[in-house]
Amino acid sequence: MLERLLELSKKVESVEPTAHCQVDSYGCQIIVRFDKRPDVEIALLTPMAQSQIKKGQIDRDLYSDILFSVKRIANWSVA
């Protein structure tokens, strides 16, 4: 499980360079912080994503949604 969490966190950081991940293997969670938004910290994985990671593979659509959400959160601004 730790390997899958580390792999996902590396992918998140490569997709969004302003994101920094901290892996919590005990809680099966990835905490994400952003350079552009220092006031924001998110727990990345939903219970469904955590369950899938524990089982060994995350659904492709869920994986894509996670990466898209990170980009959206990192680049959100009030216009």
PDB file of N, CA and C in Angstrom:
ATOM      1  N   MET A   1       0.827  -1.191   0.000  1.00  0.00           N
ATOM      2  CA  MET A   1       0.000   0.000   0.000  1.00  0.00           C
ATOM      3  C   MET A   1       0.874   1.259   0.000  1.00  0.00           C
ATOM      4  N   LEU A   2       1.926   1.250   0.795  1.00  0.00           N
ATOM      5  CA  LEU A   2       2.809   2.412   0.855  1.00  0.00           C
ATOM      6  C   LEU A   2       3.374   2.739  -0.521  1.00  0.00           C
ATOM      7  N   GLU A   3       3.719   1.714  -1.255  1.00  0.00           N
ATOM      8  CA  GLU A   3       4.268   1.920  -2.602  1.00  0.00           C
ATOM      9  C   GLU A   3       3.256   2.618  -3.515  1.00  0.00           C
ATOM     10  N   ARG A   4       2.004   2.213  -3.434  1.00  0.00           N
ATOM     11  CA  ARG A   4       0.958   2.839  -4.263  1.00  0.00           C
ATOM     12  C   ARG A   4       0.712   4.288  -3.841  1.00  0.00           C
ATOM     13  N   LEU A   5       0.757   4.558  -2.524  1.00  0.00           N
ATOM     14  CA  LEU A   5       0.596   5.930  -2.045  1.00  0.00           C
ATOM     15  C   LEU A   5       1.753   6.815  -2.519  1.00  0.00           C
ATOM     16  N   LEU A   6       2.967   6.287  -2.440  1.00  0.00           N
ATOM     17  CA  LEU A   6       4.131   7.055  -2.896  1.00  0.00           C
ATOM     18  C   LEU A   6       4.074   7.311  -4.393  1.00  0.00           C
ATOM     19  N   GLU A   7       3.638   6.312  -5.149  1.00  0.00           N
ATOM     20  CA  GLU A   7       3.515   6.465  -6.600  1.00  0.00           C
ATOM     21  C   GLU A   7       2.501   7.552  -6.948  1.00  0.00           C
ATOM     22  N   LEU A   8       1.353   7.535  -6.268  1.00  0.00           N
ATOM     23  CA  LEU A   8       0.318   8.542  -6.520  1.00  0.00           C
ATOM     24  C   LEU A   8       0.808   9.928  -6.106  1.00  0.00           C
ATOM     25  N   SER A   9       1.493  10.028  -4.994  1.00  0.00           N
ATOM     26  CA  SER A   9       1.979  11.336  -4.556  1.00  0.00           C
ATOM     27  C   SER A   9       3.009  11.903  -5.530  1.00  0.00           C
ATOM     28  N   LYS A  10       3.863  11.054  -6.077  1.00  0.00           N
ATOM     29  CA  LYS A  10       4.828  11.514  -7.087  1.00  0.00           C
ATOM     30  C   LYS A  10       4.113  11.987  -8.347  1.00  0.00           C
ATOM     31  N   LYS A  11       3.056  11.290  -8.728  1.00  0.00           N
ATOM     32  CA  LYS A  11       2.288  11.689  -9.913  1.00  0.00           C
ATOM     33  C   LYS A  11       1.600  13.035  -9.675  1.00  0.00           C
ATOM     34  N   VAL A  12       1.042  13.227  -8.496  1.00  0.00           N
ATOM     35  CA  VAL A  12       0.392  14.497  -8.152  1.00  0.00           C
ATOM     36  C   VAL A  12       1.401  15.636  -8.253  1.00  0.00           C
ATOM     37  N   GLU A  13       2.573  15.437  -7.694  1.00  0.00           N
ATOM     38  CA  GLU A  13       3.607  16.480  -7.718  1.00  0.00           C
ATOM     39  C   GLU A  13       4.140  16.731  -9.123  1.00  0.00           C
ATOM     40  N   SER A  14       4.114  15.735  -9.983  1.00  0.00           N
ATOM     41  CA  SER A  14       4.576  15.958 -11.361  1.00  0.00           C
ATOM     42  C   SER A  14       3.521  16.666 -12.199  1.00  0.00           C
ATOM     43  N   VAL A  15       2.243  16.396 -11.910  1.00  0.00           N
ATOM     44  CA  VAL A  15       1.149  17.042 -12.649  1.00  0.00           C
ATOM     45  C   VAL A  15       0.980  18.489 -12.217  1.00  0.00           C
ATOM     46  N   GLU A  16       1.181  18.750 -10.919  1.00  0.00           N
ATOM     47  CA  GLU A  16       1.051  20.100 -10.382  1.00  0.00           C
ATOM     48  C   GLU A  16       2.322  20.424  -9.597  1.00  0.00           C
ATOM     49  N   PRO A  17       3.275  21.110 -10.233  1.00  0.00           N
ATOM     50  CA  PRO A  17       4.565  21.383  -9.583  1.00  0.00           C
ATOM     51  C   PRO A  17       4.479  22.210  -8.294  1.00  0.00           C
ATOM     52  N   THR A  18       3.383  22.927  -8.094  1.00  0.00           N
ATOM     53  CA  THR A  18       3.257  23.723  -6.863  1.00  0.00           C
ATOM     54  C   THR A  18       2.674  22.907  -5.712  1.00  0.00           C
ATOM     55  N   ALA A  19       2.370  21.634  -5.955  1.00  0.00           N
ATOM     56  CA  ALA A  19       1.815  20.755  -4.925  1.00  0.00           C
ATOM     57  C   ALA A  19       2.936  19.965  -4.251  1.00  0.00           C
ATOM     58  N   HIS A  20       2.783  19.782  -2.944  1.00  0.00           N
ATOM     59  CA  HIS A  20       3.739  18.996  -2.170  1.00  0.00           C
ATOM     60  C   HIS A  20       2.950  18.003  -1.329  1.00  0.00           C
ATOM     61  N   CYS A  21       3.304  16.738  -1.451  1.00  0.00           N
ATOM     62  CA  CYS A  21       2.551  15.679  -0.793  1.00  0.00           C
ATOM     63  C   CYS A  21       3.286  15.122   0.423  1.00  0.00           C
ATOM     64  N   GLN A  22       2.499  14.773   1.416  1.00  0.00           N
ATOM     65  CA  GLN A  22       2.992  14.068   2.596  1.00  0.00           C
ATOM     66  C   GLN A  22       2.155  12.801   2.720  1.00  0.00           C
ATOM     67  N   VAL A  23       2.806  11.658   2.713  1.00  0.00           N
ATOM     68  CA  VAL A  23       2.105  10.377   2.756  1.00  0.00           C
ATOM     69  C   VAL A  23       1.912   9.932   4.203  1.00  0.00           C
ATOM     70  N   ASP A  24       0.682   9.578   4.512  1.00  0.00           N
ATOM     71  CA  ASP A  24       0.339   9.002   5.814  1.00  0.00           C
ATOM     72  C   ASP A  24      -0.050   7.549   5.565  1.00  0.00           C
ATOM     73  N   SER A  25       0.918   6.646   5.645  1.00  0.00           N
ATOM     74  CA  SER A  25       0.645   5.239   5.329  1.00  0.00           C
ATOM     75  C   SER A  25      -0.261   4.595   6.378  1.00  0.00           C
ATOM     76  N   TYR A  26      -0.172   5.031   7.627  1.00  0.00           N
ATOM     77  CA  TYR A  26      -1.021   4.473   8.675  1.00  0.00           C
ATOM     78  C   TYR A  26      -2.496   4.773   8.387  1.00  0.00           C
ATOM     79  N   GLY A  27      -2.786   6.001   7.968  1.00  0.00           N
ATOM     80  CA  GLY A  27      -4.155   6.403   7.674  1.00  0.00           C
ATOM     81  C   GLY A  27      -4.555   6.210   6.230  1.00  0.00           C
ATOM     82  N   CYS A  28      -3.652   5.674   5.410  1.00  0.00           N
ATOM     83  CA  CYS A  28      -3.883   5.503   3.968  1.00  0.00           C
ATOM     84  C   CYS A  28      -4.389   6.814   3.368  1.00  0.00           C
ATOM     85  N   GLN A  29      -3.568   7.851   3.535  1.00  0.00           N
ATOM     86  CA  GLN A  29      -3.966   9.177   3.088  1.00  0.00           C
ATOM     87  C   GLN A  29      -2.763   9.946   2.556  1.00  0.00           C
ATOM     88  N   ILE A  30      -3.037  10.886   1.680  1.00  0.00           N
ATOM     89  CA  ILE A  30      -2.021  11.791   1.155  1.00  0.00           C
ATOM     90  C   ILE A  30      -2.489  13.208   1.475  1.00  0.00           C
ATOM     91  N   ILE A  31      -1.654  13.947   2.171  1.00  0.00           N
ATOM     92  CA  ILE A  31      -1.939  15.337   2.506  1.00  0.00           C
ATOM     93  C   ILE A  31      -1.209  16.202   1.490  1.00  0.00           C
ATOM     94  N   VAL A  32      -1.926  17.144   0.885  1.00  0.00           N
ATOM     95  CA  VAL A  32      -1.348  17.976  -0.168  1.00  0.00           C
ATOM     96  C   VAL A  32      -1.384  19.436   0.263  1.00  0.00           C
ATOM     97  N   ARG A  33      -0.257  20.100   0.072  1.00  0.00           N
ATOM     98  CA  ARG A  33      -0.127  21.547   0.319  1.00  0.00           C
ATOM     99  C   ARG A  33       0.314  22.193  -0.988  1.00  0.00           C
ATOM    100  N   PHE A  34       0.042  23.485  -1.116  1.00  0.00           N
ATOM    101  CA  PHE A  34       0.305  24.190  -2.366  1.00  0.00           C
ATOM    102  C   PHE A  34       1.135  25.445  -2.144  1.00  0.00           C
ATOM    103  N   ASP A  35       2.134  25.664  -3.009  1.00  0.00           N
ATOM    104  CA  ASP A  35       2.932  26.891  -2.955  1.00  0.00           C
ATOM    105  C   ASP A  35       2.069  28.119  -3.234  1.00  0.00           C
ATOM    106  N   LYS A  36       1.195  27.996  -4.215  1.00  0.00           N
ATOM    107  CA  LYS A  36       0.365  29.134  -4.629  1.00  0.00           C
ATOM    108  C   LYS A  36      -0.714  29.469  -3.605  1.00  0.00           C
ATOM    109  N   ARG A  37      -1.068  28.500  -2.787  1.00  0.00           N
ATOM    110  CA  ARG A  37      -2.144  28.685  -1.806  1.00  0.00           C
ATOM    111  C   ARG A  37      -1.704  28.153  -0.447  1.00  0.00           C
ATOM    112  N   PRO A  38      -0.847  28.901   0.238  1.00  0.00           N
ATOM    113  CA  PRO A  38      -0.298  28.408   1.502  1.00  0.00           C
ATOM    114  C   PRO A  38      -1.342  28.195   2.600  1.00  0.00           C
ATOM    115  N   ASP A  39      -2.519  28.764   2.433  1.00  0.00           N
ATOM    116  CA  ASP A  39      -3.585  28.610   3.413  1.00  0.00           C
ATOM    117  C   ASP A  39      -4.401  27.333   3.210  1.00  0.00           C
ATOM    118  N   VAL A  40      -4.071  26.558   2.165  1.00  0.00           N
ATOM    119  CA  VAL A  40      -4.863  25.380   1.814  1.00  0.00           C
ATOM    120  C   VAL A  40      -4.058  24.102   2.040  1.00  0.00           C
ATOM    121  N   GLU A  41      -4.717  23.152   2.686  1.00  0.00           N
ATOM    122  CA  GLU A  41      -4.153  21.819   2.888  1.00  0.00           C
ATOM    123  C   GLU A  41      -5.311  20.847   2.709  1.00  0.00           C
ATOM    124  N   ILE A  42      -5.130  19.831   1.869  1.00  0.00           N
ATOM    125  CA  ILE A  42      -6.225  18.897   1.622  1.00  0.00           C
ATOM    126  C   ILE A  42      -5.801  17.464   1.908  1.00  0.00           C
ATOM    127  N   ALA A  43      -6.765  16.666   2.347  1.00  0.00           N
ATOM    128  CA  ALA A  43      -6.617  15.217   2.410  1.00  0.00           C
ATOM    129  C   ALA A  43      -7.120  14.725   1.063  1.00  0.00           C
ATOM    130  N   LEU A  44      -6.245  14.152   0.287  1.00  0.00           N
ATOM    131  CA  LEU A  44      -6.516  13.868  -1.118  1.00  0.00           C
ATOM    132  C   LEU A  44      -7.484  12.719  -1.361  1.00  0.00           C
ATOM    133  N   LEU A  45      -7.393  11.675  -0.560  1.00  0.00           N
ATOM    134  CA  LEU A  45      -8.121  10.448  -0.869  1.00  0.00           C
ATOM    135  C   LEU A  45      -9.465  10.347  -0.159  1.00  0.00           C
ATOM    136  N   THR A  46     -10.475  10.052  -0.941  1.00  0.00           N
ATOM    137  CA  THR A  46     -11.802   9.774  -0.407  1.00  0.00           C
ATOM    138  C   THR A  46     -11.793   8.356   0.172  1.00  0.00           C
ATOM    139  N   PRO A  47     -12.788   8.004   0.971  1.00  0.00           N
ATOM    140  CA  PRO A  47     -12.844   6.628   1.477  1.00  0.00           C
ATOM    141  C   PRO A  47     -12.850   5.582   0.352  1.00  0.00           C
ATOM    142  N   MET A  48     -13.516   5.885  -0.752  1.00  0.00           N
ATOM    143  CA  MET A  48     -13.536   4.943  -1.876  1.00  0.00           C
ATOM    144  C   MET A  48     -12.136   4.781  -2.469  1.00  0.00           C
ATOM    145  N   ALA A  49     -11.411   5.882  -2.636  1.00  0.00           N
ATOM    146  CA  ALA A  49     -10.047   5.809  -3.167  1.00  0.00           C
ATOM    147  C   ALA A  49      -9.146   5.052  -2.200  1.00  0.00           C
ATOM    148  N   GLN A  50      -9.306   5.287  -0.907  1.00  0.00           N
ATOM    149  CA  GLN A  50      -8.515   4.567   0.085  1.00  0.00           C
ATOM    150  C   GLN A  50      -8.768   3.067  -0.008  1.00  0.00           C
ATOM    151  N   SER A  51     -10.019   2.696  -0.146  1.00  0.00           N
ATOM    152  CA  SER A  51     -10.383   1.280  -0.268  1.00  0.00           C
ATOM    153  C   SER A  51      -9.745   0.656  -1.498  1.00  0.00           C
ATOM    154  N   GLN A  52      -9.789   1.375  -2.614  1.00  0.00           N
ATOM    155  CA  GLN A  52      -9.204   0.849  -3.847  1.00  0.00           C
ATOM    156  C   GLN A  52      -7.685   0.720  -3.729  1.00  0.00           C
ATOM    157  N   ILE A  53      -7.033   1.676  -3.106  1.00  0.00           N
ATOM    158  CA  ILE A  53      -5.580   1.603  -2.913  1.00  0.00           C
ATOM    159  C   ILE A  53      -5.223   0.417  -2.025  1.00  0.00           C
ATOM    160  N   LYS A  54      -6.000   0.188  -0.985  1.00  0.00           N
ATOM    161  CA  LYS A  54      -5.754  -0.947  -0.103  1.00  0.00           C
ATOM    162  C   LYS A  54      -5.910  -2.275  -0.849  1.00  0.00           C
ATOM    163  N   LYS A  55      -6.834  -2.300  -1.817  1.00  0.00           N
ATOM    164  CA  LYS A  55      -7.057  -3.515  -2.601  1.00  0.00           C
ATOM    165  C   LYS A  55      -6.001  -3.700  -3.690  1.00  0.00           C
ATOM    166  N   GLY A  56      -5.263  -2.655  -3.996  1.00  0.00           N
ATOM    167  CA  GLY A  56      -4.157  -2.811  -4.932  1.00  0.00           C
ATOM    168  C   GLY A  56      -4.242  -2.028  -6.218  1.00  0.00           C
ATOM    169  N   GLN A  57      -5.392  -1.466  -6.553  1.00  0.00           N
ATOM    170  CA  GLN A  57      -5.474  -0.699  -7.790  1.00  0.00           C
ATOM    171  C   GLN A  57      -6.589   0.327  -7.695  1.00  0.00           C
ATOM    172  N   ILE A  58      -6.299   1.502  -8.226  1.00  0.00           N
ATOM    173  CA  ILE A  58      -7.278   2.582  -8.220  1.00  0.00           C
ATOM    174  C   ILE A  58      -7.911   2.696  -9.606  1.00  0.00           C
ATOM    175  N   ASP A  59      -9.205   2.898  -9.632  1.00  0.00           N
ATOM    176  CA  ASP A  59      -9.962   3.023 -10.877  1.00  0.00           C
ATOM    177  C   ASP A  59      -9.422   4.175 -11.717  1.00  0.00           C
ATOM    178  N   ARG A  60      -9.313   3.958 -13.007  1.00  0.00           N
ATOM    179  CA  ARG A  60      -8.747   4.956 -13.914  1.00  0.00           C
ATOM    180  C   ARG A  60      -9.500   6.285 -13.866  1.00  0.00           C
ATOM    181  N   ASP A  61     -10.826   6.236 -13.822  1.00  0.00           N
ATOM    182  CA  ASP A  61     -11.617   7.476 -13.767  1.00  0.00           C
ATOM    183  C   ASP A  61     -11.391   8.222 -12.458  1.00  0.00           C
ATOM    184  N   LEU A  62     -11.319   7.486 -11.373  1.00  0.00           N
ATOM    185  CA  LEU A  62     -11.066   8.095 -10.068  1.00  0.00           C
ATOM    186  C   LEU A  62      -9.663   8.698 -10.028  1.00  0.00           C
ATOM    187  N   TYR A  63      -8.702   7.991 -10.589  1.00  0.00           N
ATOM    188  CA  TYR A  63      -7.320   8.467 -10.666  1.00  0.00           C
ATOM    189  C   TYR A  63      -7.260   9.793 -11.428  1.00  0.00           C
ATOM    190  N   SER A  64      -7.917   9.842 -12.574  1.00  0.00           N
ATOM    191  CA  SER A  64      -7.954  11.068 -13.379  1.00  0.00           C
ATOM    192  C   SER A  64      -8.639  12.199 -12.629  1.00  0.00           C
ATOM    193  N   ASP A  65      -9.718  11.883 -11.936  1.00  0.00           N
ATOM    194  CA  ASP A  65     -10.442  12.896 -11.176  1.00  0.00           C
ATOM    195  C   ASP A  65      -9.580  13.463 -10.049  1.00  0.00           C
ATOM    196  N   ILE A  66      -8.799  12.620  -9.403  1.00  0.00           N
ATOM    197  CA  ILE A  66      -7.907  13.077  -8.332  1.00  0.00           C
ATOM    198  C   ILE A  66      -6.899  14.076  -8.888  1.00  0.00           C
ATOM    199  N   LEU A  67      -6.266  13.727  -9.999  1.00  0.00           N
ATOM    200  CA  LEU A  67      -5.253  14.605 -10.590  1.00  0.00           C
ATOM    201  C   LEU A  67      -5.863  15.915 -11.075  1.00  0.00           C
ATOM    202  N   PHE A  68      -7.029  15.841 -11.703  1.00  0.00           N
ATOM    203  CA  PHE A  68      -7.706  17.050 -12.168  1.00  0.00           C
ATOM    204  C   PHE A  68      -8.095  17.949 -10.993  1.00  0.00           C
ATOM    205  N   SER A  69      -8.567  17.337  -9.914  1.00  0.00           N
ATOM    206  CA  SER A  69      -8.975  18.104  -8.735  1.00  0.00           C
ATOM    207  C   SER A  69      -7.793  18.840  -8.109  1.00  0.00           C
ATOM    208  N   VAL A  70      -6.644  18.190  -8.067  1.00  0.00           N
ATOM    209  CA  VAL A  70      -5.457  18.838  -7.509  1.00  0.00           C
ATOM    210  C   VAL A  70      -5.091  20.069  -8.334  1.00  0.00           C
ATOM    211  N   LYS A  71      -5.104  19.945  -9.648  1.00  0.00           N
ATOM    212  CA  LYS A  71      -4.795  21.094 -10.514  1.00  0.00           C
ATOM    213  C   LYS A  71      -5.804  22.214 -10.305  1.00  0.00           C
ATOM    214  N   ARG A  72      -7.072  21.839 -10.209  1.00  0.00           N
ATOM    215  CA  ARG A  72      -8.136  22.834 -10.024  1.00  0.00           C
ATOM    216  C   ARG A  72      -7.983  23.553  -8.687  1.00  0.00           C
ATOM    217  N   ILE A  73      -7.696  22.828  -7.633  1.00  0.00           N
ATOM    218  CA  ILE A  73      -7.523  23.446  -6.314  1.00  0.00           C
ATOM    219  C   ILE A  73      -6.291  24.345  -6.292  1.00  0.00           C
ATOM    220  N   ALA A  74      -5.206  23.870  -6.870  1.00  0.00           N
ATOM    221  CA  ALA A  74      -3.956  24.642  -6.867  1.00  0.00           C
ATOM    222  C   ALA A  74      -4.097  25.960  -7.627  1.00  0.00           C
ATOM    223  N   ASN A  75      -4.884  25.956  -8.671  1.00  0.00           N
ATOM    224  CA  ASN A  75      -4.979  27.121  -9.548  1.00  0.00           C
ATOM    225  C   ASN A  75      -6.268  27.908  -9.402  1.00  0.00           C
ATOM    226  N   TRP A  76      -7.042  27.631  -8.365  1.00  0.00           N
ATOM    227  CA  TRP A  76      -8.278  28.362  -8.135  1.00  0.00           C
ATOM    228  C   TRP A  76      -7.944  29.773  -7.648  1.00  0.00           C
ATOM    229  N   SER A  77      -8.693  30.705  -8.137  1.00  0.00           N
ATOM    230  CA  SER A  77      -8.524  32.086  -7.652  1.00  0.00           C
ATOM    231  C   SER A  77      -9.849  32.819  -7.778  1.00  0.00           C
ATOM    232  N   VAL A  78      -9.994  33.843  -6.990  1.00  0.00           N
ATOM    233  CA  VAL A  78     -11.170  34.689  -7.056  1.00  0.00           C
ATOM    234  C   VAL A  78     -10.925  35.725  -8.149  1.00  0.00           C
ATOM    235  N   ALA A  79     -11.825  35.754  -9.098  1.00  0.00           N
ATOM    236  CA  ALA A  79     -11.649  36.711 -10.219  1.00  0.00           C
ATOM    237  C   ALA A  79     -12.233  38.052  -9.880  1.00  0.00           C
TER     238      ALA A  79
END
